[in-house]
Amino acid sequence: MRNNEADTLDQLIEDCTELPQELRSTARSLPEPRAAVPWQVDDANYAQVADLDAYV
């Protein structure tokens, strides 16, 4: 009977890096990230924290 549990941190890292083939990524790459949509604080957002100093 073989102990499948890691005894050292090195063994644990090695075990974690041995992924089965079906779980490994395929040749497909991730899509390019999109540009972030610019945002602005409007009056309604600002009103929510307008009296923040009074609470702090």
N, C-alpha and C. Protein backbone atom coordinates (compact mmCIF):
# COMPACT_ATOMS: atom_id res chain seq x y z
N MET A 1 0.85 -1.17 0.00
CA MET A 1 0.00 0.00 0.00
C MET A 1 0.89 1.24 0.00
N ARG A 2 0.55 2.21 -0.85
CA ARG A 2 1.35 3.42 -1.00
C ARG A 2 0.62 4.59 -0.38
N ASN A 3 1.36 5.40 0.35
CA ASN A 3 0.79 6.60 0.94
C ASN A 3 0.76 7.69 -0.13
N ASN A 4 -0.43 8.15 -0.48
CA ASN A 4 -0.58 9.16 -1.52
C ASN A 4 -0.49 10.58 -0.99
N GLU A 5 -0.36 10.73 0.31
CA GLU A 5 -0.30 12.07 0.89
C GLU A 5 1.14 12.57 0.90
N ALA A 6 1.30 13.84 0.69
CA ALA A 6 2.63 14.44 0.69
C ALA A 6 3.15 14.55 2.12
N ASP A 7 4.42 14.27 2.28
CA ASP A 7 5.07 14.35 3.59
C ASP A 7 5.79 15.68 3.79
N THR A 8 6.15 16.32 2.68
CA THR A 8 6.87 17.59 2.75
C THR A 8 6.18 18.60 1.86
N LEU A 9 6.54 19.86 2.05
CA LEU A 9 5.98 20.91 1.21
C LEU A 9 6.40 20.73 -0.24
N ASP A 10 7.63 20.30 -0.48
CA ASP A 10 8.09 20.05 -1.84
C ASP A 10 7.26 18.97 -2.52
N GLN A 11 6.92 17.92 -1.81
CA GLN A 11 6.08 16.86 -2.38
C GLN A 11 4.68 17.38 -2.67
N LEU A 12 4.16 18.21 -1.79
CA LEU A 12 2.83 18.77 -2.01
C LEU A 12 2.80 19.64 -3.26
N ILE A 13 3.81 20.48 -3.42
CA ILE A 13 3.89 21.32 -4.61
C ILE A 13 4.01 20.47 -5.86
N GLU A 14 4.83 19.43 -5.80
CA GLU A 14 4.99 18.54 -6.95
C GLU A 14 3.67 17.85 -7.29
N ASP A 15 2.95 17.39 -6.26
CA ASP A 15 1.65 16.74 -6.48
C ASP A 15 0.66 17.70 -7.13
N CYS A 16 0.69 18.95 -6.70
CA CYS A 16 -0.27 19.93 -7.22
C CYS A 16 0.03 20.32 -8.66
N THR A 17 1.26 20.19 -9.08
CA THR A 17 1.61 20.56 -10.45
C THR A 17 1.40 19.42 -11.43
N GLU A 18 1.12 18.23 -10.95
CA GLU A 18 0.89 17.08 -11.83
C GLU A 18 -0.59 16.97 -12.15
N LEU A 19 -1.06 17.82 -13.04
CA LEU A 19 -2.47 17.80 -13.43
C LEU A 19 -2.70 16.74 -14.50
N PRO A 20 -3.82 16.05 -14.44
CA PRO A 20 -4.15 15.10 -15.50
C PRO A 20 -4.28 15.82 -16.84
N GLN A 21 -4.02 15.14 -17.91
CA GLN A 21 -4.05 15.72 -19.25
C GLN A 21 -5.41 16.36 -19.57
N GLU A 22 -6.50 15.75 -19.13
CA GLU A 22 -7.82 16.31 -19.46
C GLU A 22 -8.10 17.62 -18.73
N LEU A 23 -7.33 17.92 -17.70
CA LEU A 23 -7.51 19.19 -16.99
C LEU A 23 -6.54 20.27 -17.45
N ARG A 24 -5.58 19.91 -18.25
CA ARG A 24 -4.62 20.88 -18.74
C ARG A 24 -5.26 21.73 -19.83
N SER A 25 -4.78 22.96 -19.93
CA SER A 25 -5.35 23.85 -20.93
C SER A 25 -5.01 23.37 -22.33
N THR A 26 -5.88 23.68 -23.24
CA THR A 26 -5.65 23.31 -24.63
C THR A 26 -4.91 24.45 -25.32
N ALA A 27 -4.77 24.37 -26.60
CA ALA A 27 -4.03 25.38 -27.35
C ALA A 27 -4.78 26.72 -27.40
N ARG A 28 -6.05 26.71 -27.05
CA ARG A 28 -6.81 27.97 -27.07
C ARG A 28 -6.24 28.94 -26.05
N SER A 29 -6.11 30.17 -26.45
CA SER A 29 -5.63 31.17 -25.52
C SER A 29 -6.81 32.05 -25.07
N LEU A 30 -6.59 32.78 -24.03
CA LEU A 30 -7.64 33.66 -23.53
C LEU A 30 -7.80 34.85 -24.45
N PRO A 31 -9.01 35.39 -24.53
CA PRO A 31 -9.20 36.57 -25.38
C PRO A 31 -8.44 37.76 -24.80
N GLU A 32 -8.12 38.69 -25.66
CA GLU A 32 -7.42 39.90 -25.21
C GLU A 32 -8.34 40.69 -24.28
N PRO A 33 -7.79 41.28 -23.24
CA PRO A 33 -8.64 42.06 -22.33
C PRO A 33 -9.21 43.29 -23.03
N ARG A 34 -10.43 43.62 -22.66
CA ARG A 34 -11.08 44.79 -23.25
C ARG A 34 -10.65 46.03 -22.49
N ALA A 35 -10.78 47.16 -23.14
CA ALA A 35 -10.47 48.43 -22.48
C ALA A 35 -11.53 48.70 -21.42
N ALA A 36 -11.09 49.22 -20.30
CA ALA A 36 -12.02 49.52 -19.21
C ALA A 36 -12.91 50.70 -19.61
N VAL A 37 -14.16 50.59 -19.24
CA VAL A 37 -15.10 51.67 -19.51
C VAL A 37 -14.86 52.78 -18.49
N PRO A 38 -14.64 53.99 -18.95
CA PRO A 38 -14.42 55.07 -17.99
C PRO A 38 -15.67 55.31 -17.15
N TRP A 39 -15.48 55.70 -15.92
CA TRP A 39 -16.61 55.95 -15.04
C TRP A 39 -16.44 57.30 -14.37
N GLN A 40 -17.54 57.82 -13.92
CA GLN A 40 -17.55 59.10 -13.23
C GLN A 40 -18.47 59.00 -12.04
N VAL A 41 -18.17 59.79 -11.03
CA VAL A 41 -19.03 59.86 -9.85
C VAL A 41 -20.08 60.92 -10.12
N ASP A 42 -21.34 60.51 -10.07
CA ASP A 42 -22.40 61.49 -10.28
C ASP A 42 -22.88 62.02 -8.93
N ASP A 43 -23.82 62.94 -8.98
CA ASP A 43 -24.30 63.58 -7.75
C ASP A 43 -24.93 62.58 -6.79
N ALA A 44 -25.62 61.57 -7.31
CA ALA A 44 -26.26 60.57 -6.44
C ALA A 44 -25.20 59.77 -5.69
N ASN A 45 -24.12 59.40 -6.37
CA ASN A 45 -23.04 58.67 -5.70
C ASN A 45 -22.36 59.56 -4.66
N TYR A 46 -22.11 60.79 -5.04
CA TYR A 46 -21.43 61.70 -4.12
C TYR A 46 -22.29 61.97 -2.88
N ALA A 47 -23.60 62.04 -3.06
CA ALA A 47 -24.50 62.31 -1.93
C ALA A 47 -24.45 61.17 -0.90
N GLN A 48 -24.14 59.97 -1.32
CA GLN A 48 -24.08 58.85 -0.40
C GLN A 48 -22.93 58.99 0.58
N VAL A 49 -21.87 59.67 0.19
CA VAL A 49 -20.72 59.82 1.07
C VAL A 49 -20.44 61.27 1.44
N ALA A 50 -21.38 62.16 1.16
CA ALA A 50 -21.18 63.57 1.42
C ALA A 50 -20.92 63.84 2.89
N ASP A 51 -21.60 63.15 3.78
CA ASP A 51 -21.42 63.35 5.23
C ASP A 51 -20.54 62.28 5.86
N LEU A 52 -19.65 61.71 5.08
CA LEU A 52 -18.79 60.64 5.58
C LEU A 52 -17.95 61.10 6.77
N ASP A 53 -17.45 62.33 6.72
CA ASP A 53 -16.63 62.83 7.82
C ASP A 53 -17.39 62.86 9.14
N ALA A 54 -18.69 63.01 9.09
CA ALA A 54 -19.48 63.04 10.31
C ALA A 54 -19.52 61.66 10.96
N TYR A 55 -19.40 60.59 10.19
CA TYR A 55 -19.45 59.23 10.72
C TYR A 55 -18.09 58.76 11.21
N VAL A 56 -17.02 59.32 10.67
CA VAL A 56 -15.66 58.86 11.01
C VAL A 56 -15.16 59.49 12.26
